[in-house]
């Protein structure tokens, strides 16, 4: 497993860190160790792919973000491919191109103090949002011409 992680890390350290977490989640969902995942997929690919589809359905039923579900499937495929096991079935994920939405915090809450930093929709790219780019500089956040100190908002 160390070699697989090092190989992923050569591309991106963040990808390697996310991959190990997602593989751990997959192991929990399947009730198998990483080594057993390889063995099961190799010994009975149809049954393993059925199990993988069941996991996708379970996560979708739990309203997990499509991107999260997709990365779990992608990491399992990566782990298996690294161990010379290739899955042949294309497992579709519902609304795979959807972006999650955020709920705006209440004005009086601690998070409400920073609501000016949170976009209504992740990935929203209107002219207004691109003009409201934030910058952190010496503890002060600059948004347009307004300076705010997040530490004072907490105190």
N, C-alpha and C. Protein backbone atom coordinates (compact mmCIF):
# COMPACT_ATOMS: atom_id res chain seq x y z
N UNK A 1 0.82 -1.19 0.00
CA UNK A 1 0.00 0.00 0.00
C UNK A 1 0.87 1.25 0.00
N UNK A 2 2.01 1.17 0.65
CA UNK A 2 2.90 2.33 0.72
C UNK A 2 3.34 2.76 -0.68
N UNK A 3 3.65 1.79 -1.53
CA UNK A 3 4.07 2.13 -2.90
C UNK A 3 2.94 2.84 -3.66
N UNK A 4 1.71 2.34 -3.51
CA UNK A 4 0.56 2.96 -4.17
C UNK A 4 0.41 4.41 -3.72
N UNK A 5 0.52 4.64 -2.41
CA UNK A 5 0.40 6.01 -1.89
C UNK A 5 1.53 6.90 -2.38
N UNK A 6 2.74 6.37 -2.38
CA UNK A 6 3.87 7.16 -2.88
C UNK A 6 3.69 7.51 -4.35
N UNK A 7 3.17 6.54 -5.10
CA UNK A 7 2.91 6.79 -6.51
C UNK A 7 1.87 7.89 -6.69
N UNK A 8 0.80 7.85 -5.92
CA UNK A 8 -0.21 8.91 -5.98
C UNK A 8 0.37 10.25 -5.55
N UNK A 9 1.20 10.23 -4.52
CA UNK A 9 1.77 11.46 -3.99
C UNK A 9 2.69 12.14 -5.01
N UNK A 10 3.28 11.36 -5.89
CA UNK A 10 4.12 11.97 -6.93
C UNK A 10 3.31 12.90 -7.82
N UNK A 11 2.02 12.58 -7.96
CA UNK A 11 1.14 13.46 -8.74
C UNK A 11 0.63 14.60 -7.89
N UNK A 12 0.15 14.28 -6.68
CA UNK A 12 -0.39 15.31 -5.80
C UNK A 12 -0.48 14.75 -4.38
N UNK A 13 0.09 15.49 -3.46
CA UNK A 13 0.03 15.07 -2.06
C UNK A 13 -1.42 15.08 -1.55
N UNK A 14 -2.19 16.07 -1.95
CA UNK A 14 -3.59 16.16 -1.54
C UNK A 14 -4.37 14.96 -2.06
N UNK A 15 -4.14 14.60 -3.32
CA UNK A 15 -4.82 13.44 -3.89
C UNK A 15 -4.49 12.18 -3.09
N UNK A 16 -3.23 12.02 -2.72
CA UNK A 16 -2.83 10.84 -1.94
C UNK A 16 -3.53 10.83 -0.58
N UNK A 17 -3.62 11.99 0.08
CA UNK A 17 -4.27 12.06 1.39
C UNK A 17 -5.76 11.77 1.29
N UNK A 18 -6.41 12.32 0.29
CA UNK A 18 -7.84 12.06 0.09
C UNK A 18 -8.06 10.59 -0.26
N UNK A 19 -7.18 10.05 -1.09
CA UNK A 19 -7.32 8.66 -1.52
C UNK A 19 -7.24 7.68 -0.37
N UNK A 20 -6.34 7.92 0.57
CA UNK A 20 -6.22 6.99 1.69
C UNK A 20 -7.46 7.06 2.58
N UNK A 21 -8.03 8.27 2.74
CA UNK A 21 -9.27 8.40 3.52
C UNK A 21 -10.43 7.69 2.82
N UNK A 22 -10.53 7.89 1.50
CA UNK A 22 -11.62 7.26 0.76
C UNK A 22 -11.46 5.74 0.71
N UNK A 23 -10.24 5.26 0.61
CA UNK A 23 -10.03 3.81 0.64
C UNK A 23 -10.42 3.26 2.01
N UNK A 24 -10.09 3.99 3.06
CA UNK A 24 -10.50 3.57 4.41
C UNK A 24 -12.01 3.51 4.54
N UNK A 25 -12.70 4.49 3.98
CA UNK A 25 -14.17 4.50 4.00
C UNK A 25 -14.71 3.31 3.22
N UNK A 26 -14.12 3.03 2.07
CA UNK A 26 -14.55 1.89 1.26
C UNK A 26 -14.34 0.58 2.02
N UNK A 27 -13.22 0.48 2.71
CA UNK A 27 -12.96 -0.73 3.51
C UNK A 27 -14.03 -0.90 4.59
N UNK A 28 -14.40 0.20 5.25
CA UNK A 28 -15.45 0.13 6.27
C UNK A 28 -16.79 -0.28 5.66
N UNK A 29 -17.13 0.31 4.53
CA UNK A 29 -18.41 0.00 3.88
C UNK A 29 -18.47 -1.45 3.39
N UNK A 30 -17.35 -1.95 2.88
CA UNK A 30 -17.31 -3.31 2.37
C UNK A 30 -17.03 -4.34 3.47
N UNK A 31 -16.49 -3.87 4.58
CA UNK A 31 -16.10 -4.79 5.65
C UNK A 31 -14.89 -5.63 5.29
N UNK A 32 -14.01 -5.03 4.49
CA UNK A 32 -12.82 -5.73 4.01
C UNK A 32 -11.58 -4.88 4.20
N UNK A 33 -10.44 -5.52 4.34
CA UNK A 33 -9.16 -4.81 4.36
C UNK A 33 -8.78 -4.49 2.91
N UNK A 34 -7.84 -3.58 2.69
CA UNK A 34 -7.41 -3.30 1.31
C UNK A 34 -6.92 -4.57 0.59
N UNK A 35 -6.24 -5.42 1.30
CA UNK A 35 -5.74 -6.66 0.69
C UNK A 35 -6.90 -7.58 0.31
N UNK A 36 -7.93 -7.65 1.17
CA UNK A 36 -9.11 -8.48 0.88
C UNK A 36 -9.91 -7.91 -0.28
N UNK A 37 -9.93 -6.58 -0.42
CA UNK A 37 -10.61 -5.98 -1.58
C UNK A 37 -9.99 -6.51 -2.86
N UNK A 38 -8.66 -6.54 -2.92
CA UNK A 38 -7.96 -7.05 -4.09
C UNK A 38 -8.30 -8.52 -4.31
N UNK A 39 -8.27 -9.31 -3.25
CA UNK A 39 -8.54 -10.74 -3.37
C UNK A 39 -9.99 -11.00 -3.83
N UNK A 40 -10.93 -10.30 -3.22
CA UNK A 40 -12.35 -10.48 -3.57
C UNK A 40 -12.61 -10.07 -5.02
N UNK A 41 -12.07 -8.94 -5.43
CA UNK A 41 -12.27 -8.45 -6.79
C UNK A 41 -11.62 -9.39 -7.81
N UNK A 42 -10.52 -9.98 -7.43
CA UNK A 42 -9.81 -10.91 -8.31
C UNK A 42 -10.53 -12.25 -8.39
N UNK A 43 -10.99 -12.75 -7.25
CA UNK A 43 -11.62 -14.07 -7.19
C UNK A 43 -13.02 -14.08 -7.80
N UNK A 44 -13.80 -13.03 -7.54
CA UNK A 44 -15.17 -12.99 -8.02
C UNK A 44 -15.53 -11.56 -8.44
N UNK A 45 -15.08 -11.15 -9.63
CA UNK A 45 -15.29 -9.76 -10.06
C UNK A 45 -16.76 -9.35 -10.12
N UNK A 46 -17.64 -10.25 -10.58
CA UNK A 46 -19.05 -9.90 -10.67
C UNK A 46 -19.64 -9.59 -9.30
N UNK A 47 -19.37 -10.45 -8.34
CA UNK A 47 -19.90 -10.24 -6.98
C UNK A 47 -19.31 -8.97 -6.37
N UNK A 48 -18.02 -8.72 -6.60
CA UNK A 48 -17.40 -7.52 -6.05
C UNK A 48 -18.01 -6.26 -6.67
N UNK A 49 -18.21 -6.28 -7.99
CA UNK A 49 -18.81 -5.12 -8.64
C UNK A 49 -20.25 -4.92 -8.20
N UNK A 50 -20.97 -6.00 -7.91
CA UNK A 50 -22.31 -5.88 -7.33
C UNK A 50 -22.24 -5.18 -5.98
N UNK A 51 -21.27 -5.57 -5.16
CA UNK A 51 -21.08 -4.94 -3.85
C UNK A 51 -20.76 -3.46 -3.99
N UNK A 52 -19.94 -3.14 -4.98
CA UNK A 52 -19.57 -1.75 -5.22
C UNK A 52 -20.79 -0.93 -5.65
N UNK A 53 -21.65 -1.50 -6.49
CA UNK A 53 -22.89 -0.81 -6.87
C UNK A 53 -23.80 -0.62 -5.67
N UNK A 54 -23.84 -1.61 -4.77
CA UNK A 54 -24.65 -1.49 -3.55
C UNK A 54 -24.16 -0.34 -2.68
N UNK A 55 -22.84 -0.17 -2.61
CA UNK A 55 -22.26 0.93 -1.82
C UNK A 55 -22.67 2.28 -2.43
N UNK A 56 -22.61 2.37 -3.75
CA UNK A 56 -23.01 3.61 -4.42
C UNK A 56 -24.47 3.92 -4.10
N UNK A 57 -25.33 2.92 -4.17
CA UNK A 57 -26.75 3.12 -3.85
C UNK A 57 -26.94 3.56 -2.41
N UNK A 58 -26.20 2.94 -1.50
CA UNK A 58 -26.30 3.29 -0.07
C UNK A 58 -25.89 4.74 0.16
N UNK A 59 -24.77 5.15 -0.42
CA UNK A 59 -24.30 6.52 -0.24
C UNK A 59 -25.24 7.53 -0.88
N UNK A 60 -25.81 7.18 -2.03
CA UNK A 60 -26.79 8.07 -2.66
C UNK A 60 -28.04 8.18 -1.79
N UNK A 61 -28.46 7.07 -1.19
CA UNK A 61 -29.62 7.09 -0.30
C UNK A 61 -29.37 7.95 0.93
N UNK A 62 -28.10 8.05 1.34
CA UNK A 62 -27.71 8.90 2.47
C UNK A 62 -27.49 10.35 2.05
N UNK A 63 -27.79 10.65 0.81
CA UNK A 63 -27.64 12.00 0.23
C UNK A 63 -26.20 12.51 0.25
N UNK A 64 -25.26 11.60 0.10
CA UNK A 64 -23.86 12.03 -0.01
C UNK A 64 -23.66 12.72 -1.35
N UNK A 65 -22.77 13.67 -1.38
CA UNK A 65 -22.49 14.43 -2.60
C UNK A 65 -22.01 13.48 -3.70
N UNK A 66 -22.48 13.68 -4.93
CA UNK A 66 -22.06 12.81 -6.03
C UNK A 66 -20.55 12.75 -6.20
N UNK A 67 -19.86 13.87 -6.00
CA UNK A 67 -18.41 13.88 -6.12
C UNK A 67 -17.74 13.00 -5.08
N UNK A 68 -18.29 12.98 -3.86
CA UNK A 68 -17.77 12.13 -2.79
C UNK A 68 -17.92 10.66 -3.17
N UNK A 69 -19.11 10.31 -3.67
CA UNK A 69 -19.38 8.92 -4.07
C UNK A 69 -18.43 8.54 -5.21
N UNK A 70 -18.27 9.44 -6.17
CA UNK A 70 -17.41 9.15 -7.32
C UNK A 70 -15.96 8.93 -6.90
N UNK A 71 -15.48 9.72 -5.92
CA UNK A 71 -14.08 9.53 -5.51
C UNK A 71 -13.88 8.20 -4.80
N UNK A 72 -14.89 7.71 -4.08
CA UNK A 72 -14.76 6.39 -3.45
C UNK A 72 -14.61 5.31 -4.53
N UNK A 73 -15.46 5.37 -5.56
CA UNK A 73 -15.37 4.39 -6.66
C UNK A 73 -14.04 4.54 -7.38
N UNK A 74 -13.63 5.77 -7.62
CA UNK A 74 -12.38 6.02 -8.33
C UNK A 74 -11.17 5.47 -7.56
N UNK A 75 -11.19 5.66 -6.25
CA UNK A 75 -10.07 5.18 -5.43
C UNK A 75 -10.02 3.65 -5.40
N UNK A 76 -11.19 3.03 -5.32
CA UNK A 76 -11.20 1.56 -5.35
C UNK A 76 -10.64 1.07 -6.68
N UNK A 77 -11.08 1.70 -7.77
CA UNK A 77 -10.55 1.32 -9.08
C UNK A 77 -9.04 1.53 -9.17
N UNK A 78 -8.57 2.65 -8.62
CA UNK A 78 -7.14 2.94 -8.63
C UNK A 78 -6.35 1.89 -7.84
N UNK A 79 -6.85 1.56 -6.65
CA UNK A 79 -6.19 0.57 -5.80
C UNK A 79 -6.15 -0.79 -6.50
N UNK A 80 -7.27 -1.17 -7.10
CA UNK A 80 -7.31 -2.46 -7.78
C UNK A 80 -6.41 -2.46 -9.01
N UNK A 81 -6.45 -1.38 -9.78
CA UNK A 81 -5.61 -1.31 -10.97
C UNK A 81 -4.13 -1.39 -10.60
N UNK A 82 -3.75 -0.73 -9.51
CA UNK A 82 -2.37 -0.79 -9.05
C UNK A 82 -1.97 -2.22 -8.71
N UNK A 83 -2.96 -3.02 -8.30
CA UNK A 83 -2.73 -4.42 -7.96
C UNK A 83 -3.14 -5.37 -9.10
N UNK A 84 -3.16 -4.83 -10.32
CA UNK A 84 -3.40 -5.60 -11.54
C UNK A 84 -4.77 -6.26 -11.61
N UNK A 85 -5.78 -5.61 -11.03
CA UNK A 85 -7.16 -6.07 -11.14
C UNK A 85 -7.94 -4.92 -11.78
N UNK A 86 -8.60 -5.21 -12.89
CA UNK A 86 -9.35 -4.18 -13.60
C UNK A 86 -10.83 -4.53 -13.56
N UNK A 87 -11.63 -3.59 -13.08
CA UNK A 87 -13.08 -3.76 -13.08
C UNK A 87 -13.61 -3.37 -14.45
N UNK A 88 -14.55 -4.14 -14.97
CA UNK A 88 -15.05 -3.89 -16.32
C UNK A 88 -16.37 -3.15 -16.35
N UNK A 89 -17.12 -3.20 -15.28
CA UNK A 89 -18.44 -2.59 -15.25
C UNK A 89 -18.36 -1.08 -15.04
N UNK A 90 -19.16 -0.35 -15.82
CA UNK A 90 -19.25 1.10 -15.62
C UNK A 90 -20.35 1.35 -14.58
N UNK A 91 -19.98 1.89 -13.45
CA UNK A 91 -20.94 2.16 -12.38
C UNK A 91 -21.31 3.63 -12.45
N UNK A 92 -22.57 3.88 -12.73
CA UNK A 92 -23.04 5.26 -12.85
C UNK A 92 -23.38 5.83 -11.48
N UNK A 93 -23.18 7.13 -11.36
CA UNK A 93 -23.49 7.84 -10.12
C UNK A 93 -24.51 8.92 -10.45
N UNK A 94 -25.60 8.91 -9.69
CA UNK A 94 -26.70 9.85 -9.93
C UNK A 94 -26.22 11.29 -9.78
N UNK A 95 -26.60 12.14 -10.72
CA UNK A 95 -26.27 13.57 -10.69
C UNK A 95 -24.78 13.84 -10.54
N UNK A 96 -23.96 13.07 -11.24
CA UNK A 96 -22.52 13.15 -11.05
C UNK A 96 -21.92 14.52 -11.35
N UNK A 97 -22.62 15.33 -12.15
CA UNK A 97 -22.08 16.66 -12.45
C UNK A 97 -22.65 17.75 -11.56
N UNK A 98 -23.51 17.37 -10.61
CA UNK A 98 -24.13 18.36 -9.73
C UNK A 98 -23.12 18.90 -8.73
N UNK A 99 -23.29 20.17 -8.38
CA UNK A 99 -22.45 20.77 -7.35
C UNK A 99 -23.31 20.97 -6.11
N UNK A 100 -22.76 20.67 -4.92
CA UNK A 100 -23.54 20.84 -3.70
C UNK A 100 -23.82 22.31 -3.41
N UNK A 101 -24.90 22.56 -2.71
CA UNK A 101 -25.21 23.93 -2.30
C UNK A 101 -24.92 24.09 -0.82
N UNK A 102 -24.66 25.31 -0.42
CA UNK A 102 -24.40 25.60 0.98
C UNK A 102 -25.60 26.31 1.58
N UNK A 103 -25.83 26.04 2.85
CA UNK A 103 -26.86 26.74 3.59
C UNK A 103 -26.20 27.93 4.27
N UNK A 104 -26.78 29.09 4.11
CA UNK A 104 -26.20 30.29 4.71
C UNK A 104 -26.38 30.26 6.22
N UNK A 105 -25.34 30.61 6.99
CA UNK A 105 -25.44 30.63 8.45
C UNK A 105 -26.34 31.77 8.93
N UNK A 106 -26.87 31.58 10.13
CA UNK A 106 -27.73 32.60 10.73
C UNK A 106 -26.89 33.84 11.05
N UNK A 107 -27.48 35.06 10.89
CA UNK A 107 -26.72 36.30 11.10
C UNK A 107 -26.10 36.42 12.49
N UNK A 108 -26.72 35.92 13.55
CA UNK A 108 -26.18 36.08 14.89
C UNK A 108 -25.13 35.06 15.28
N UNK A 109 -24.96 34.00 14.48
CA UNK A 109 -24.03 32.93 14.84
C UNK A 109 -22.59 33.34 14.55
N UNK A 110 -21.65 32.55 15.09
CA UNK A 110 -20.23 32.81 14.83
C UNK A 110 -19.97 32.71 13.33
N UNK A 111 -20.55 31.68 12.68
CA UNK A 111 -20.37 31.55 11.24
C UNK A 111 -21.00 32.72 10.50
N UNK A 112 -22.06 33.28 11.08
CA UNK A 112 -22.71 34.44 10.46
C UNK A 112 -21.77 35.62 10.34
N UNK A 113 -20.78 35.71 11.24
CA UNK A 113 -19.81 36.80 11.17
C UNK A 113 -18.98 36.72 9.89
N UNK A 114 -18.90 35.51 9.31
CA UNK A 114 -18.09 35.29 8.12
C UNK A 114 -18.94 34.98 6.90
N UNK A 115 -20.24 35.18 6.99
CA UNK A 115 -21.13 34.82 5.89
C UNK A 115 -20.79 35.57 4.60
N UNK A 116 -20.14 36.70 4.72
CA UNK A 116 -19.76 37.45 3.52
C UNK A 116 -18.71 36.71 2.70
N UNK A 117 -18.08 35.67 3.29
CA UNK A 117 -17.08 34.89 2.58
C UNK A 117 -17.66 33.66 1.89
N UNK A 118 -18.89 33.28 2.23
CA UNK A 118 -19.45 32.03 1.76
C UNK A 118 -20.34 32.28 0.55
N UNK A 119 -20.00 31.66 -0.59
CA UNK A 119 -20.86 31.83 -1.77
C UNK A 119 -22.17 31.07 -1.58
N UNK A 120 -23.19 31.52 -2.26
CA UNK A 120 -24.49 30.84 -2.18
C UNK A 120 -24.38 29.45 -2.78
N UNK A 121 -23.70 29.34 -3.90
CA UNK A 121 -23.50 28.05 -4.54
C UNK A 121 -22.02 27.84 -4.78
N UNK A 122 -21.54 26.65 -4.46
CA UNK A 122 -20.14 26.34 -4.73
C UNK A 122 -19.97 26.31 -6.25
N UNK A 123 -18.94 26.93 -6.72
CA UNK A 123 -18.66 26.94 -8.14
C UNK A 123 -19.41 28.02 -8.90
N UNK A 124 -20.18 28.84 -8.20
CA UNK A 124 -20.91 29.91 -8.87
C UNK A 124 -19.88 30.90 -9.42
N UNK A 125 -20.04 31.29 -10.66
CA UNK A 125 -19.05 32.18 -11.24
C UNK A 125 -19.73 33.35 -11.95
N UNK A 126 -20.41 34.15 -11.18
CA UNK A 126 -21.00 35.36 -11.77
C UNK A 126 -19.96 36.47 -11.69
N UNK A 127 -20.18 37.54 -12.43
CA UNK A 127 -19.25 38.66 -12.39
C UNK A 127 -19.14 39.24 -10.99
N UNK A 128 -20.28 39.28 -10.27
CA UNK A 128 -20.27 39.84 -8.92
C UNK A 128 -19.34 39.04 -8.01
N UNK A 129 -19.48 37.71 -8.04
CA UNK A 129 -18.65 36.88 -7.18
C UNK A 129 -17.17 36.96 -7.55
N UNK A 130 -16.89 37.05 -8.83
CA UNK A 130 -15.48 37.12 -9.20
C UNK A 130 -14.89 38.47 -8.80
N UNK A 131 -15.72 39.51 -8.69
CA UNK A 131 -15.23 40.82 -8.26
C UNK A 131 -15.05 40.85 -6.74
N UNK A 132 -15.76 39.96 -6.03
CA UNK A 132 -15.68 39.95 -4.58
C UNK A 132 -14.64 38.92 -4.14
N UNK A 133 -13.51 38.93 -4.77
CA UNK A 133 -12.45 38.01 -4.39
C UNK A 133 -11.89 38.45 -3.05
N UNK A 134 -11.68 37.48 -2.14
CA UNK A 134 -11.16 37.85 -0.82
C UNK A 134 -9.67 37.56 -0.74
N UNK A 135 -9.02 38.28 0.12
CA UNK A 135 -7.59 38.16 0.28
C UNK A 135 -7.28 38.25 1.77
N UNK A 136 -6.49 37.34 2.26
CA UNK A 136 -6.12 37.39 3.66
C UNK A 136 -4.72 38.00 3.74
N UNK A 137 -4.63 39.09 4.47
CA UNK A 137 -3.36 39.79 4.56
C UNK A 137 -3.21 40.35 5.97
N UNK A 138 -2.26 39.82 6.72
CA UNK A 138 -1.98 40.29 8.09
C UNK A 138 -3.23 40.24 8.97
N UNK A 139 -3.99 39.15 8.86
CA UNK A 139 -5.14 38.96 9.74
C UNK A 139 -6.36 39.77 9.35
N UNK A 140 -6.28 40.54 8.29
CA UNK A 140 -7.42 41.33 7.85
C UNK A 140 -7.88 40.83 6.50
N UNK A 141 -9.17 40.62 6.36
CA UNK A 141 -9.72 40.16 5.09
C UNK A 141 -10.19 41.38 4.33
N UNK A 142 -9.75 41.49 3.11
CA UNK A 142 -10.12 42.62 2.27
C UNK A 142 -11.13 42.15 1.24
N UNK A 143 -12.33 42.73 1.27
CA UNK A 143 -13.36 42.43 0.28
C UNK A 143 -13.78 43.75 -0.32
N UNK A 144 -13.48 43.92 -1.56
CA UNK A 144 -13.75 45.21 -2.19
C UNK A 144 -12.98 46.28 -1.44
N UNK A 145 -13.67 47.28 -0.90
CA UNK A 145 -13.04 48.33 -0.12
C UNK A 145 -13.26 48.18 1.38
N UNK A 146 -13.86 47.04 1.80
CA UNK A 146 -14.19 46.84 3.22
C UNK A 146 -13.15 45.94 3.85
N UNK A 147 -12.60 46.39 4.97
CA UNK A 147 -11.64 45.56 5.71
C UNK A 147 -12.32 45.01 6.95
N UNK A 148 -12.15 43.72 7.18
CA UNK A 148 -12.70 43.08 8.37
C UNK A 148 -11.63 42.23 9.01
N UNK A 149 -11.62 42.21 10.32
CA UNK A 149 -10.68 41.39 11.06
C UNK A 149 -11.46 40.23 11.67
N UNK A 150 -11.26 38.99 11.15
CA UNK A 150 -12.02 37.87 11.65
C UNK A 150 -11.78 37.57 13.12
N UNK A 151 -10.61 37.90 13.64
CA UNK A 151 -10.33 37.64 15.05
C UNK A 151 -11.16 38.53 15.95
N UNK A 152 -11.40 39.79 15.55
CA UNK A 152 -12.24 40.69 16.34
C UNK A 152 -13.69 40.21 16.33
N UNK A 153 -14.13 39.61 15.23
CA UNK A 153 -15.52 39.13 15.13
C UNK A 153 -15.76 38.00 16.13
N UNK A 154 -14.72 37.23 16.44
CA UNK A 154 -14.87 36.14 17.40
C UNK A 154 -14.80 36.63 18.84
N UNK A 155 -14.11 37.71 19.08
CA UNK A 155 -13.88 38.19 20.44
C UNK A 155 -14.97 39.04 20.90
